[in-house]
C-alpha atoms as a PDB file:
ATOM      1  CA  UNK A   1     114.447  78.623 166.160  1.00  0.00           C
ATOM      2  CA  UNK A   2     112.492  75.373 166.436  1.00  0.00           C
ATOM      3  CA  UNK A   3     112.760  71.966 164.794  1.00  0.00           C
ATOM      4  CA  UNK A   4     110.304  69.082 165.118  1.00  0.00           C
ATOM      5  CA  UNK A   5     109.721  65.629 163.720  1.00  0.00           C
ATOM      6  CA  UNK A   6     108.876  62.019 164.542  1.00  0.00           C
ATOM      7  CA  UNK A   7     111.132  59.298 165.930  1.00  0.00           C
ATOM      8  CA  UNK A   8     110.973  56.209 168.150  1.00  0.00           C
ATOM      9  CA  UNK A   9     107.195  56.007 167.879  1.00  0.00           C
ATOM     10  CA  UNK A  10     106.789  59.520 169.280  1.00  0.00           C
ATOM     11  CA  UNK A  11     107.693  63.135 168.469  1.00  0.00           C
ATOM     12  CA  UNK A  12     110.749  65.296 169.031  1.00  0.00           C
ATOM     13  CA  UNK A  13     110.974  69.061 169.545  1.00  0.00           C
ATOM     14  CA  UNK A  14     114.185  71.086 169.546  1.00  0.00           C
ATOM     15  CA  UNK A  15     114.616  74.789 170.286  1.00  0.00           C
ATOM     16  CA  UNK A  16     117.982  76.420 169.570  1.00  0.00           C
ATOM     17  CA  UNK A  17     119.317  79.938 170.024  1.00  0.00           C
ATOM     18  CA  UNK A  18     121.048  80.596 166.701  1.00  0.00           C
ATOM     19  CA  UNK A  19     121.981  83.366 164.302  1.00  0.00           C
ATOM     20  CA  UNK A  20     120.287  83.789 160.925  1.00  0.00           C
ATOM     21  CA  UNK A  21     123.442  82.718 159.116  1.00  0.00           C
ATOM     22  CA  UNK A  22     123.326  79.162 160.463  1.00  0.00           C
ATOM     23  CA  UNK A  23     121.853  76.502 158.155  1.00  0.00           C
ATOM     24  CA  UNK A  24     119.306  74.914 160.462  1.00  0.00           C
ATOM     25  CA  UNK A  25     117.827  72.816 157.637  1.00  0.00           C
ATOM     26  CA  UNK A  26     121.167  71.035 157.359  1.00  0.00           C
ATOM     27  CA  UNK A  27     121.340  70.663 161.147  1.00  0.00           C
ATOM     28  CA  UNK A  28     117.885  69.061 161.225  1.00  0.00           C
ATOM     29  CA  UNK A  29     118.889  66.709 158.396  1.00  0.00           C
ATOM     30  CA  UNK A  30     121.866  65.570 160.491  1.00  0.00           C
ATOM     31  CA  UNK A  31     119.608  65.141 163.541  1.00  0.00           C
ATOM     32  CA  UNK A  32     117.070  63.086 161.573  1.00  0.00           C
ATOM     33  CA  UNK A  33     119.873  60.887 160.249  1.00  0.00           C
ATOM     34  CA  UNK A  34     121.226  60.312 163.748  1.00  0.00           C
ATOM     35  CA  UNK A  35     117.797  59.467 165.160  1.00  0.00           C
ATOM     36  CA  UNK A  36     117.173  57.083 162.262  1.00  0.00           C
ATOM     37  CA  UNK A  37     120.375  55.200 163.148  1.00  0.00           C
ATOM     38  CA  UNK A  38     119.306  54.907 166.792  1.00  0.00           C
ATOM     39  CA  UNK A  39     115.780  53.855 165.799  1.00  0.00           C
ATOM     40  CA  UNK A  40     117.069  51.195 163.421  1.00  0.00           C
ATOM     41  CA  UNK A  41     119.260  49.937 166.228  1.00  0.00           C
ATOM     42  CA  UNK A  42     116.745  49.669 169.106  1.00  0.00           C
ATOM     43  CA  UNK A  43     113.170  49.905 167.806  1.00  0.00           C
ATOM     44  CA  UNK A  44     111.144  46.840 168.788  1.00  0.00           C
ATOM     45  CA  UNK A  45     108.502  47.938 166.255  1.00  0.00           C
ATOM     46  CA  UNK A  46     110.838  47.322 163.303  1.00  0.00           C
ATOM     47  CA  UNK A  47     111.262  43.641 162.426  1.00  0.00           C
ATOM     48  CA  UNK A  48     114.617  44.329 160.750  1.00  0.00           C
ATOM     49  CA  UNK A  49     116.106  46.432 163.575  1.00  0.00           C
ATOM     50  CA  UNK A  50     119.130  45.158 165.479  1.00  0.00           C
ATOM     51  CA  UNK A  51     117.145  44.549 168.655  1.00  0.00           C
ATOM     52  CA  UNK A  52     114.392  42.648 166.798  1.00  0.00           C
ATOM     53  CA  UNK A  53     116.966  40.449 165.092  1.00  0.00           C
ATOM     54  CA  UNK A  54     118.685  39.787 168.420  1.00  0.00           C
ATOM     55  CA  UNK A  55     115.340  38.902 170.018  1.00  0.00           C
ATOM     56  CA  UNK A  56     114.843  36.310 167.276  1.00  0.00           C
ATOM     57  CA  UNK A  57     118.183  34.601 168.044  1.00  0.00           C
ATOM     58  CA  UNK A  58     117.684  30.990 169.088  1.00  0.00           C
ATOM     59  CA  UNK A  59     119.649  28.562 171.233  1.00  0.00           C
ATOM     60  CA  UNK A  60     123.060  27.584 169.938  1.00  0.00           C
ATOM     61  CA  UNK A  61     123.576  30.636 167.727  1.00  0.00           C
ATOM     62  CA  UNK A  62     126.893  32.452 168.139  1.00  0.00           C
ATOM     63  CA  UNK A  63     127.625  35.960 169.459  1.00  0.00           C
ATOM     64  CA  UNK A  64     125.490  38.716 167.910  1.00  0.00           C
ATOM     65  CA  UNK A  65     127.360  41.793 166.641  1.00  0.00           C
ATOM     66  CA  UNK A  66     125.797  45.145 167.595  1.00  0.00           C
ATOM     67  CA  UNK A  67     126.370  48.803 166.689  1.00  0.00           C
ATOM     68  CA  UNK A  68     128.063  51.348 168.995  1.00  0.00           C
ATOM     69  CA  UNK A  69     124.663  52.950 169.799  1.00  0.00           C
ATOM     70  CA  UNK A  70     123.188  49.613 170.878  1.00  0.00           C
ATOM     71  CA  UNK A  71     126.312  48.749 172.874  1.00  0.00           C
ATOM     72  CA  UNK A  72     126.339  52.028 174.838  1.00  0.00           C
ATOM     73  CA  UNK A  73     122.709  51.552 175.854  1.00  0.00           C
ATOM     74  CA  UNK A  74     123.260  47.896 176.753  1.00  0.00           C
ATOM     75  CA  UNK A  75     126.218  48.778 178.985  1.00  0.00           C
ATOM     76  CA  UNK A  76     124.073  51.419 180.708  1.00  0.00           C
ATOM     77  CA  UNK A  77     121.213  48.897 180.986  1.00  0.00           C
ATOM     78  CA  UNK A  78     123.513  46.366 182.642  1.00  0.00           C
ATOM     79  CA  UNK A  79     124.652  48.979 185.151  1.00  0.00           C
ATOM     80  CA  UNK A  80     121.111  50.119 186.026  1.00  0.00           C
ATOM     81  CA  UNK A  81     120.062  46.474 186.409  1.00  0.00           C
ATOM     82  CA  UNK A  82     122.965  45.993 188.854  1.00  0.00           C
ATOM     83  CA  UNK A  83     122.376  49.216 190.796  1.00  0.00           C
ATOM     84  CA  UNK A  84     118.652  48.488 191.271  1.00  0.00           C
ATOM     85  CA  UNK A  85     119.140  44.841 192.227  1.00  0.00           C
ATOM     86  CA  UNK A  86     117.111  43.834 189.174  1.00  0.00           C
ATOM     87  CA  UNK A  87     114.153  46.155 189.872  1.00  0.00           C
ATOM     88  CA  UNK A  88     114.801  47.690 186.445  1.00  0.00           C
ATOM     89  CA  UNK A  89     115.188  44.952 183.836  1.00  0.00           C
ATOM     90  CA  UNK A  90     115.318  45.372 180.055  1.00  0.00           C
ATOM     91  CA  UNK A  91     114.034  41.798 179.566  1.00  0.00           C
ATOM     92  CA  UNK A  92     110.700  42.347 181.376  1.00  0.00           C
ATOM     93  CA  UNK A  93     108.652  42.473 178.150  1.00  0.00           C
ATOM     94  CA  UNK A  94     106.889  39.079 178.656  1.00  0.00           C
ATOM     95  CA  UNK A  95     105.358  40.416 181.892  1.00  0.00           C
ATOM     96  CA  UNK A  96     104.575  43.746 180.239  1.00  0.00           C
ATOM     97  CA  UNK A  97     102.585  41.921 177.556  1.00  0.00           C
ATOM     98  CA  UNK A  98     100.907  39.643 180.105  1.00  0.00           C
ATOM     99  CA  UNK A  99      99.478  42.627 181.969  1.00  0.00           C
ATOM    100  CA  UNK A 100      98.443  44.441 178.775  1.00  0.00           C
ATOM    101  CA  UNK A 101     101.072  47.203 178.729  1.00  0.00           C
ATOM    102  CA  UNK A 102     102.908  45.967 175.636  1.00  0.00           C
ATOM    103  CA  UNK A 103     101.519  45.045 172.231  1.00  0.00           C
ATOM    104  CA  UNK A 104      98.523  43.235 173.719  1.00  0.00           C
ATOM    105  CA  UNK A 105      95.078  44.217 174.995  1.00  0.00           C
ATOM    106  CA  UNK A 106      94.575  44.493 178.786  1.00  0.00           C
ATOM    107  CA  UNK A 107      93.590  41.071 180.217  1.00  0.00           C
ATOM    108  CA  UNK A 108      89.955  40.516 181.160  1.00  0.00           C
ATOM    109  CA  UNK A 109      91.069  38.843 184.379  1.00  0.00           C
ATOM    110  CA  UNK A 110      94.129  39.080 186.613  1.00  0.00           C
ATOM    111  CA  UNK A 111      96.857  36.818 185.170  1.00  0.00           C
ATOM    112  CA  UNK A 112      97.188  33.546 187.053  1.00  0.00           C
ATOM    113  CA  UNK A 113     100.181  32.734 189.234  1.00  0.00           C
ATOM    114  CA  UNK A 114     101.076  30.017 186.713  1.00  0.00           C
ATOM    115  CA  UNK A 115     101.058  32.493 183.790  1.00  0.00           C
ATOM    116  CA  UNK A 116     103.219  34.930 185.769  1.00  0.00           C
ATOM    117  CA  UNK A 117     105.652  32.137 186.682  1.00  0.00           C
ATOM    118  CA  UNK A 118     105.922  31.076 183.025  1.00  0.00           C
ATOM    119  CA  UNK A 119     106.618  34.659 181.950  1.00  0.00           C
ATOM    120  CA  UNK A 120     109.280  35.028 184.634  1.00  0.00           C
ATOM    121  CA  UNK A 121     111.176  32.080 183.172  1.00  0.00           C
ATOM    122  CA  UNK A 122     111.809  34.267 180.106  1.00  0.00           C
ATOM    123  CA  UNK A 123     113.085  37.230 182.149  1.00  0.00           C
ATOM    124  CA  UNK A 124     116.473  38.164 183.575  1.00  0.00           C
ATOM    125  CA  UNK A 125     119.095  40.563 182.251  1.00  0.00           C
ATOM    126  CA  UNK A 126     121.800  38.327 183.674  1.00  0.00           C
ATOM    127  CA  UNK A 127     120.846  35.783 180.971  1.00  0.00           C
ATOM    128  CA  UNK A 128     122.521  38.087 178.415  1.00  0.00           C
ATOM    129  CA  UNK A 129     126.276  38.484 178.071  1.00  0.00           C
ATOM    130  CA  UNK A 130     127.396  41.970 176.996  1.00  0.00           C
ATOM    131  CA  UNK A 131     130.926  42.142 175.616  1.00  0.00           C
ATOM    132  CA  UNK A 132     132.588  45.567 175.528  1.00  0.00           C
ATOM    133  CA  UNK A 133     133.899  44.821 172.014  1.00  0.00           C
ATOM    134  CA  UNK A 134     130.317  44.929 170.712  1.00  0.00           C
ATOM    135  CA  UNK A 135     128.777  41.459 170.954  1.00  0.00           C
ATOM    136  CA  UNK A 136     125.728  40.053 172.756  1.00  0.00           C
ATOM    137  CA  UNK A 137     125.065  36.433 173.607  1.00  0.00           C
ATOM    138  CA  UNK A 138     122.044  34.738 175.172  1.00  0.00           C
ATOM    139  CA  UNK A 139     122.396  32.234 177.970  1.00  0.00           C
ATOM    140  CA  UNK A 140     118.631  31.658 177.774  1.00  0.00           C
ATOM    141  CA  UNK A 141     117.256  31.627 174.213  1.00  0.00           C
ATOM    142  CA  UNK A 142     113.794  32.741 175.402  1.00  0.00           C
ATOM    143  CA  UNK A 143     115.036  36.080 176.774  1.00  0.00           C
ATOM    144  CA  UNK A 144     114.212  39.195 174.709  1.00  0.00           C
ATOM    145  CA  UNK A 145     115.095  42.883 175.060  1.00  0.00           C
ATOM    146  CA  UNK A 146     112.993  46.032 175.206  1.00  0.00           C
ATOM    147  CA  UNK A 147     115.043  49.212 175.747  1.00  0.00           C
ATOM    148  CA  UNK A 148     112.217  51.706 175.197  1.00  0.00           C
ATOM    149  CA  UNK A 149     112.495  53.060 178.743  1.00  0.00           C
ATOM    150  CA  UNK A 150     116.051  54.329 178.201  1.00  0.00           C
ATOM    151  CA  UNK A 151     116.540  54.516 174.412  1.00  0.00           C
ATOM    152  CA  UNK A 152     114.718  57.870 174.145  1.00  0.00           C
ATOM    153  CA  UNK A 153     116.928  59.363 176.854  1.00  0.00           C
ATOM    154  CA  UNK A 154     119.973  58.118 174.958  1.00  0.00           C
ATOM    155  CA  UNK A 155     118.607  59.710 171.777  1.00  0.00           C
ATOM    156  CA  UNK A 156     118.181  63.042 173.597  1.00  0.00           C
ATOM    157  CA  UNK A 157     121.788  62.968 174.812  1.00  0.00           C
ATOM    158  CA  UNK A 158     123.130  62.074 171.364  1.00  0.00           C
ATOM    159  CA  UNK A 159     121.221  64.966 169.768  1.00  0.00           C
ATOM    160  CA  UNK A 160     122.572  67.294 172.481  1.00  0.00           C
ATOM    161  CA  UNK A 161     126.129  66.143 171.711  1.00  0.00           C
ATOM    162  CA  UNK A 162     125.580  66.722 167.993  1.00  0.00           C
ATOM    163  CA  UNK A 163     124.305  70.267 168.618  1.00  0.00           C
ATOM    164  CA  UNK A 164     127.319  71.019 170.801  1.00  0.00           C
ATOM    165  CA  UNK A 165     129.625  69.726 168.050  1.00  0.00           C
ATOM    166  CA  UNK A 166     127.960  72.222 165.689  1.00  0.00           C
ATOM    167  CA  UNK A 167     128.736  75.039 168.102  1.00  0.00           C
ATOM    168  CA  UNK A 168     125.348  75.532 169.742  1.00  0.00           C
ATOM    169  CA  UNK A 169     125.506  76.334 173.460  1.00  0.00           C
ATOM    170  CA  UNK A 170     121.882  77.284 174.208  1.00  0.00           C
ATOM    171  CA  UNK A 171     119.195  74.760 173.266  1.00  0.00           C
ATOM    172  CA  UNK A 172     116.401  72.512 174.510  1.00  0.00           C
ATOM    173  CA  UNK A 173     115.961  68.940 173.204  1.00  0.00           C
ATOM    174  CA  UNK A 174     112.857  66.844 173.936  1.00  0.00           C
ATOM    175  CA  UNK A 175     111.925  63.359 172.712  1.00  0.00           C
ATOM    176  CA  UNK A 176     108.708  61.865 174.063  1.00  0.00           C
ATOM    177  CA  UNK A 177     109.015  63.643 177.421  1.00  0.00           C
ATOM    178  CA  UNK A 178     112.765  63.158 177.911  1.00  0.00           C
ATOM    179  CA  UNK A 179     114.474  66.579 178.062  1.00  0.00           C
ATOM    180  CA  UNK A 180     117.994  68.032 177.904  1.00  0.00           C
ATOM    181  CA  UNK A 181     118.438  71.771 178.505  1.00  0.00           C
ATOM    182  CA  UNK A 182     121.743  73.478 177.654  1.00  0.00           C
ATOM    183  CA  UNK A 183     122.576  77.075 178.503  1.00  0.00           C
ATOM    184  CA  UNK A 184     119.794  79.638 178.665  1.00  0.00           C
ATOM    185  CA  UNK A 185     116.973  81.237 176.715  1.00  0.00           C
ATOM    186  CA  UNK A 186     117.678  84.377 174.634  1.00  0.00           C
ATOM    187  CA  UNK A 187     116.471  86.565 177.534  1.00  0.00           C
ATOM    188  CA  UNK A 188     119.123  85.071 179.829  1.00  0.00           C
ATOM    189  CA  UNK A 189     116.719  83.049 181.948  1.00  0.00           C
ATOM    190  CA  UNK A 190     116.892  79.250 182.381  1.00  0.00           C
ATOM    191  CA  UNK A 191     114.715  77.088 180.147  1.00  0.00           C
ATOM    192  CA  UNK A 192     111.312  76.345 181.680  1.00  0.00           C
ATOM    193  CA  UNK A 193     109.775  72.916 181.113  1.00  0.00           C
ATOM    194  CA  UNK A 194     106.180  72.176 182.036  1.00  0.00           C
ATOM    195  CA  UNK A 195     105.168  68.949 183.776  1.00  0.00           C
ATOM    196  CA  UNK A 196     101.761  67.676 182.697  1.00  0.00           C
ATOM    197  CA  UNK A 197      98.933  67.722 185.256  1.00  0.00           C
ATOM    198  CA  UNK A 198      98.938  64.117 186.569  1.00  0.00           C
ATOM    199  CA  UNK A 199      95.257  63.362 186.063  1.00  0.00           C
ATOM    200  CA  UNK A 200      93.678  60.919 183.633  1.00  0.00           C
ATOM    201  CA  UNK A 201      91.287  63.509 182.175  1.00  0.00           C
ATOM    202  CA  UNK A 202      93.863  66.347 181.954  1.00  0.00           C
ATOM    203  CA  UNK A 203      94.663  67.883 178.582  1.00  0.00           C
ATOM    204  CA  UNK A 204      98.160  67.143 177.315  1.00  0.00           C
ATOM    205  CA  UNK A 205      99.046  70.857 177.544  1.00  0.00           C
ATOM    206  CA  UNK A 206      97.693  71.269 181.098  1.00  0.00           C
ATOM    207  CA  UNK A 207     100.690  72.236 183.241  1.00  0.00           C
ATOM    208  CA  UNK A 208     101.027  71.073 186.847  1.00  0.00           C
ATOM    209  CA  UNK A 209     104.342  72.811 187.460  1.00  0.00           C
ATOM    210  CA  UNK A 210     107.109  74.464 185.428  1.00  0.00           C
ATOM    211  CA  UNK A 211     110.694  73.464 186.187  1.00  0.00           C
ATOM    212  CA  UNK A 212     113.675  75.727 185.468  1.00  0.00           C
ATOM    213  CA  UNK A 213     116.546  73.813 183.820  1.00  0.00           C
ATOM    214  CA  UNK A 214     120.049  74.918 182.878  1.00  0.00           C
ATOM    215  CA  UNK A 215     122.662  72.386 181.739  1.00  0.00           C
ATOM    216  CA  UNK A 216     120.463  69.642 183.136  1.00  0.00           C
ATOM    217  CA  UNK A 217     118.366  66.724 181.892  1.00  0.00           C
ATOM    218  CA  UNK A 218     114.960  65.608 183.134  1.00  0.00           C
ATOM    219  CA  UNK A 219     112.644  62.672 182.535  1.00  0.00           C
ATOM    220  CA  UNK A 220     109.147  62.232 183.896  1.00  0.00           C
ATOM    221  CA  UNK A 221     106.900  59.198 184.095  1.00  0.00           C
ATOM    222  CA  UNK A 222     103.393  58.666 185.406  1.00  0.00           C
ATOM    223  CA  UNK A 223     100.862  55.869 185.945  1.00  0.00           C
ATOM    224  CA  UNK A 224      97.751  58.030 185.591  1.00  0.00           C
ATOM    225  CA  UNK A 225      96.952  57.322 181.913  1.00  0.00           C
ATOM    226  CA  UNK A 226      98.220  53.831 181.199  1.00  0.00           C
ATOM    227  CA  UNK A 227      97.296  51.484 184.041  1.00  0.00           C
ATOM    228  CA  UNK A 228      95.477  48.260 184.888  1.00  0.00           C
ATOM    229  CA  UNK A 229      93.216  47.923 187.936  1.00  0.00           C
END
C-alpha cells in the first residue's frame, strides 16, 4: 500500500506492507499532522514558523522557547557542527544566498572577498546557545538558522517511529530523497532504492544504481544540477 503527499517544500512517498483491515487513511492523516508540526517548526519558507521567528530575534531579546521537534534537531545540529569542526554549519545561509543557492538568483560575477567577509560575520553556530530545557539564545543578533539539510531526515525518522508505534514492521519512507527502510518487501527481499543518474541532463527516474536496504536509512546529495561555475 502506498501513501504520498507534499511537505517541507518537496514530496513524500511511503510504502507499507499491511493487511486490508488496517485503516491507512487514518494512518496518513496522522502522518500529515506530524509532518505539519515539523514543517511549522523548521520551515524557513513560512514567516510564522518557529525558525523564522527565531531568525527575526534582535539583540537584547531574551531566550526563545522552542518545540521538542526543533530542540532535537538543534541538539543534533550542534553535535554535527562539533564533529565536523564547523564544516557543517546551520548558520551558513548568508553565504548560500551570496552564491545564489538560497532565495536569490546566481550572481553575475564571483562575489568579492569583501562581500564574503561580510557574510562570514553573520555565520557561526557557536553564536547560538542551545539549552536542553528547550530555549535558544543568540550571542550575535545577525546569525540566522537554516536546518533544511537535516530537517527532512528528521521528518523521515519521525514518520518511521510513528509507523512502528502503529505496529508496522515492513515499510519504506522517503521525503525529498531521504530514505528509511524497515523490514522487507512482501516477497521477502530487502527494499531496493534507486539512485538517480548523476548527470545534469538525466531524467529524474533514470537509475544509476539500486541499493538494497533493510532496517537502514540512506541520504544522497549531488552537485550536478544545482551549481555555480
